[in-house]
């Protein structure tokens, strides 16, 4: 069965199209296939291997920076989501001081909204 690779979530094409992976970077130019055969040269091979190691270091650093920039707002969103989850399921929280704090915060928010409306 034929499928569009950009619609299958596990493919590289999907990840790049969705902005989850780096799509444009100068380090990708080094991976391109060369169709011209090159005669073996020991010095050339040594410099090539050194360059490959250096390029992988650079790519790892850029990927980490890309990931950190992509996840920058995640903590705030997760904190809000966790607060909503606690408010919905406050009856499951065992500790009384936490319950009281959440309930007083809720009362303060309601009072603040009433003052704004008035």
C-alpha atoms as a PDB file:
ATOM      1  CA  UNK A   1       0.000   0.000   0.000  1.00  0.00           C
ATOM      2  CA  UNK A   2       1.429   3.350  -1.027  1.00  0.00           C
ATOM      3  CA  UNK A   3       1.411   6.157   1.482  1.00  0.00           C
ATOM      4  CA  UNK A   4       2.504   9.764   1.488  1.00  0.00           C
ATOM      5  CA  UNK A   5       5.627   9.906   3.693  1.00  0.00           C
ATOM      6  CA  UNK A   6       4.767  13.430   4.884  1.00  0.00           C
ATOM      7  CA  UNK A   7       1.591  12.066   6.481  1.00  0.00           C
ATOM      8  CA  UNK A   8       3.206   9.163   8.339  1.00  0.00           C
ATOM      9  CA  UNK A   9       4.345  10.498  11.694  1.00  0.00           C
ATOM     10  CA  UNK A  10       7.408   8.263  12.017  1.00  0.00           C
ATOM     11  CA  UNK A  11       9.133   9.330   8.785  1.00  0.00           C
ATOM     12  CA  UNK A  12      11.915  11.872   8.445  1.00  0.00           C
ATOM     13  CA  UNK A  13       9.837  13.680   5.826  1.00  0.00           C
ATOM     14  CA  UNK A  14       7.001  14.215   8.330  1.00  0.00           C
ATOM     15  CA  UNK A  15       9.354  15.375  11.079  1.00  0.00           C
ATOM     16  CA  UNK A  16      11.007  17.912   8.807  1.00  0.00           C
ATOM     17  CA  UNK A  17       7.709  19.148   7.347  1.00  0.00           C
ATOM     18  CA  UNK A  18       6.213  19.544  10.839  1.00  0.00           C
ATOM     19  CA  UNK A  19       9.225  21.513  12.087  1.00  0.00           C
ATOM     20  CA  UNK A  20      10.292  18.865  14.583  1.00  0.00           C
ATOM     21  CA  UNK A  21      13.681  18.357  12.967  1.00  0.00           C
ATOM     22  CA  UNK A  22      16.207  20.630  11.319  1.00  0.00           C
ATOM     23  CA  UNK A  23      15.401  20.865   7.620  1.00  0.00           C
ATOM     24  CA  UNK A  24      17.899  23.475   6.470  1.00  0.00           C
ATOM     25  CA  UNK A  25      21.490  23.340   7.646  1.00  0.00           C
ATOM     26  CA  UNK A  26      24.842  23.644   5.938  1.00  0.00           C
ATOM     27  CA  UNK A  27      26.065  20.393   7.503  1.00  0.00           C
ATOM     28  CA  UNK A  28      23.666  18.429   5.284  1.00  0.00           C
ATOM     29  CA  UNK A  29      25.710  19.436   2.244  1.00  0.00           C
ATOM     30  CA  UNK A  30      28.543  17.177   3.396  1.00  0.00           C
ATOM     31  CA  UNK A  31      26.291  14.098   3.361  1.00  0.00           C
ATOM     32  CA  UNK A  32      25.354  14.377  -0.287  1.00  0.00           C
ATOM     33  CA  UNK A  33      26.359  11.520  -2.527  1.00  0.00           C
ATOM     34  CA  UNK A  34      29.214  12.211  -4.904  1.00  0.00           C
ATOM     35  CA  UNK A  35      29.026  10.343  -8.204  1.00  0.00           C
ATOM     36  CA  UNK A  36      32.621  10.998  -9.205  1.00  0.00           C
ATOM     37  CA  UNK A  37      34.944   8.253  -7.928  1.00  0.00           C
ATOM     38  CA  UNK A  38      38.108   9.518  -6.242  1.00  0.00           C
ATOM     39  CA  UNK A  39      41.357   7.617  -6.270  1.00  0.00           C
ATOM     40  CA  UNK A  40      42.403   6.420  -2.805  1.00  0.00           C
ATOM     41  CA  UNK A  41      44.751   8.737  -0.991  1.00  0.00           C
ATOM     42  CA  UNK A  42      45.719   8.076   2.607  1.00  0.00           C
ATOM     43  CA  UNK A  43      46.062  11.750   3.562  1.00  0.00           C
ATOM     44  CA  UNK A  44      42.718  12.565   1.966  1.00  0.00           C
ATOM     45  CA  UNK A  45      41.053   9.757   3.949  1.00  0.00           C
ATOM     46  CA  UNK A  46      42.562  10.988   7.220  1.00  0.00           C
ATOM     47  CA  UNK A  47      41.396  14.545   6.657  1.00  0.00           C
ATOM     48  CA  UNK A  48      37.976  13.246   5.584  1.00  0.00           C
ATOM     49  CA  UNK A  49      37.555  11.218   8.776  1.00  0.00           C
ATOM     50  CA  UNK A  50      38.630  14.200  10.899  1.00  0.00           C
ATOM     51  CA  UNK A  51      36.195  16.421   9.033  1.00  0.00           C
ATOM     52  CA  UNK A  52      33.387  13.884   9.551  1.00  0.00           C
ATOM     53  CA  UNK A  53      33.979  13.886  13.307  1.00  0.00           C
ATOM     54  CA  UNK A  54      34.006  17.676  13.426  1.00  0.00           C
ATOM     55  CA  UNK A  55      30.848  17.910  11.317  1.00  0.00           C
ATOM     56  CA  UNK A  56      28.995  15.500  13.617  1.00  0.00           C
ATOM     57  CA  UNK A  57      30.008  17.623  16.629  1.00  0.00           C
ATOM     58  CA  UNK A  58      28.703  20.763  14.934  1.00  0.00           C
ATOM     59  CA  UNK A  59      25.464  19.049  13.915  1.00  0.00           C
ATOM     60  CA  UNK A  60      24.841  17.707  17.434  1.00  0.00           C
ATOM     61  CA  UNK A  61      25.316  21.193  18.889  1.00  0.00           C
ATOM     62  CA  UNK A  62      22.955  22.751  16.331  1.00  0.00           C
ATOM     63  CA  UNK A  63      20.344  20.026  16.868  1.00  0.00           C
ATOM     64  CA  UNK A  64      20.449  20.606  20.624  1.00  0.00           C
ATOM     65  CA  UNK A  65      20.039  24.366  20.136  1.00  0.00           C
ATOM     66  CA  UNK A  66      17.132  23.718  17.738  1.00  0.00           C
ATOM     67  CA  UNK A  67      15.482  21.403  20.277  1.00  0.00           C
ATOM     68  CA  UNK A  68      15.914  23.861  23.158  1.00  0.00           C
ATOM     69  CA  UNK A  69      14.453  26.688  21.097  1.00  0.00           C
ATOM     70  CA  UNK A  70      11.506  24.477  20.097  1.00  0.00           C
ATOM     71  CA  UNK A  71      10.832  23.472  23.715  1.00  0.00           C
ATOM     72  CA  UNK A  72      11.233  26.997  25.136  1.00  0.00           C
ATOM     73  CA  UNK A  73       7.544  27.589  25.979  1.00  0.00           C
ATOM     74  CA  UNK A  74       6.806  24.004  26.977  1.00  0.00           C
ATOM     75  CA  UNK A  75       7.381  24.447  30.727  1.00  0.00           C
ATOM     76  CA  UNK A  76       4.836  27.262  31.050  1.00  0.00           C
ATOM     77  CA  UNK A  77       2.210  25.330  29.111  1.00  0.00           C
ATOM     78  CA  UNK A  78       2.829  22.209  31.168  1.00  0.00           C
ATOM     79  CA  UNK A  79       2.615  24.176  34.428  1.00  0.00           C
ATOM     80  CA  UNK A  80      -0.773  25.609  33.402  1.00  0.00           C
ATOM     81  CA  UNK A  81      -1.959  22.154  32.355  1.00  0.00           C
ATOM     82  CA  UNK A  82      -0.868  20.677  35.704  1.00  0.00           C
ATOM     83  CA  UNK A  83      -2.673  23.434  37.627  1.00  0.00           C
ATOM     84  CA  UNK A  84      -5.874  22.754  35.697  1.00  0.00           C
ATOM     85  CA  UNK A  85      -5.495  19.041  36.378  1.00  0.00           C
ATOM     86  CA  UNK A  86      -5.061  19.671  40.113  1.00  0.00           C
ATOM     87  CA  UNK A  87      -8.084  21.978  40.219  1.00  0.00           C
ATOM     88  CA  UNK A  88     -10.264  19.398  38.476  1.00  0.00           C
ATOM     89  CA  UNK A  89      -9.137  16.545  40.728  1.00  0.00           C
ATOM     90  CA  UNK A  90      -8.586  18.394  44.001  1.00  0.00           C
ATOM     91  CA  UNK A  91     -10.561  15.729  45.858  1.00  0.00           C
ATOM     92  CA  UNK A  92      -7.736  13.266  45.157  1.00  0.00           C
ATOM     93  CA  UNK A  93      -5.091  15.432  46.830  1.00  0.00           C
ATOM     94  CA  UNK A  94      -4.466  14.022  50.297  1.00  0.00           C
ATOM     95  CA  UNK A  95      -2.768  16.960  52.004  1.00  0.00           C
ATOM     96  CA  UNK A  96      -5.128  19.496  53.557  1.00  0.00           C
ATOM     97  CA  UNK A  97      -2.831  22.586  53.263  1.00  0.00           C
ATOM     98  CA  UNK A  98      -2.589  22.129  49.508  1.00  0.00           C
ATOM     99  CA  UNK A  99      -6.366  21.810  49.230  1.00  0.00           C
ATOM    100  CA  UNK A 100      -6.872  24.961  51.272  1.00  0.00           C
ATOM    101  CA  UNK A 101      -4.374  26.913  49.160  1.00  0.00           C
ATOM    102  CA  UNK A 102      -6.031  25.876  45.891  1.00  0.00           C
ATOM    103  CA  UNK A 103      -9.484  26.689  47.215  1.00  0.00           C
ATOM    104  CA  UNK A 104      -8.398  30.107  48.546  1.00  0.00           C
ATOM    105  CA  UNK A 105      -6.732  30.887  45.216  1.00  0.00           C
ATOM    106  CA  UNK A 106      -9.967  29.995  43.451  1.00  0.00           C
ATOM    107  CA  UNK A 107     -11.969  32.259  45.799  1.00  0.00           C
ATOM    108  CA  UNK A 108      -9.513  35.123  45.252  1.00  0.00           C
ATOM    109  CA  UNK A 109      -9.827  34.741  41.473  1.00  0.00           C
ATOM    110  CA  UNK A 110     -13.614  34.852  41.697  1.00  0.00           C
ATOM    111  CA  UNK A 111     -13.505  37.966  43.893  1.00  0.00           C
ATOM    112  CA  UNK A 112     -11.032  39.632  41.563  1.00  0.00           C
ATOM    113  CA  UNK A 113     -13.276  38.911  38.565  1.00  0.00           C
ATOM    114  CA  UNK A 114     -16.284  40.345  40.434  1.00  0.00           C
ATOM    115  CA  UNK A 115     -14.363  43.541  41.222  1.00  0.00           C
ATOM    116  CA  UNK A 116     -13.376  43.925  37.593  1.00  0.00           C
ATOM    117  CA  UNK A 117     -16.949  43.376  36.400  1.00  0.00           C
ATOM    118  CA  UNK A 118     -18.380  45.887  38.888  1.00  0.00           C
END
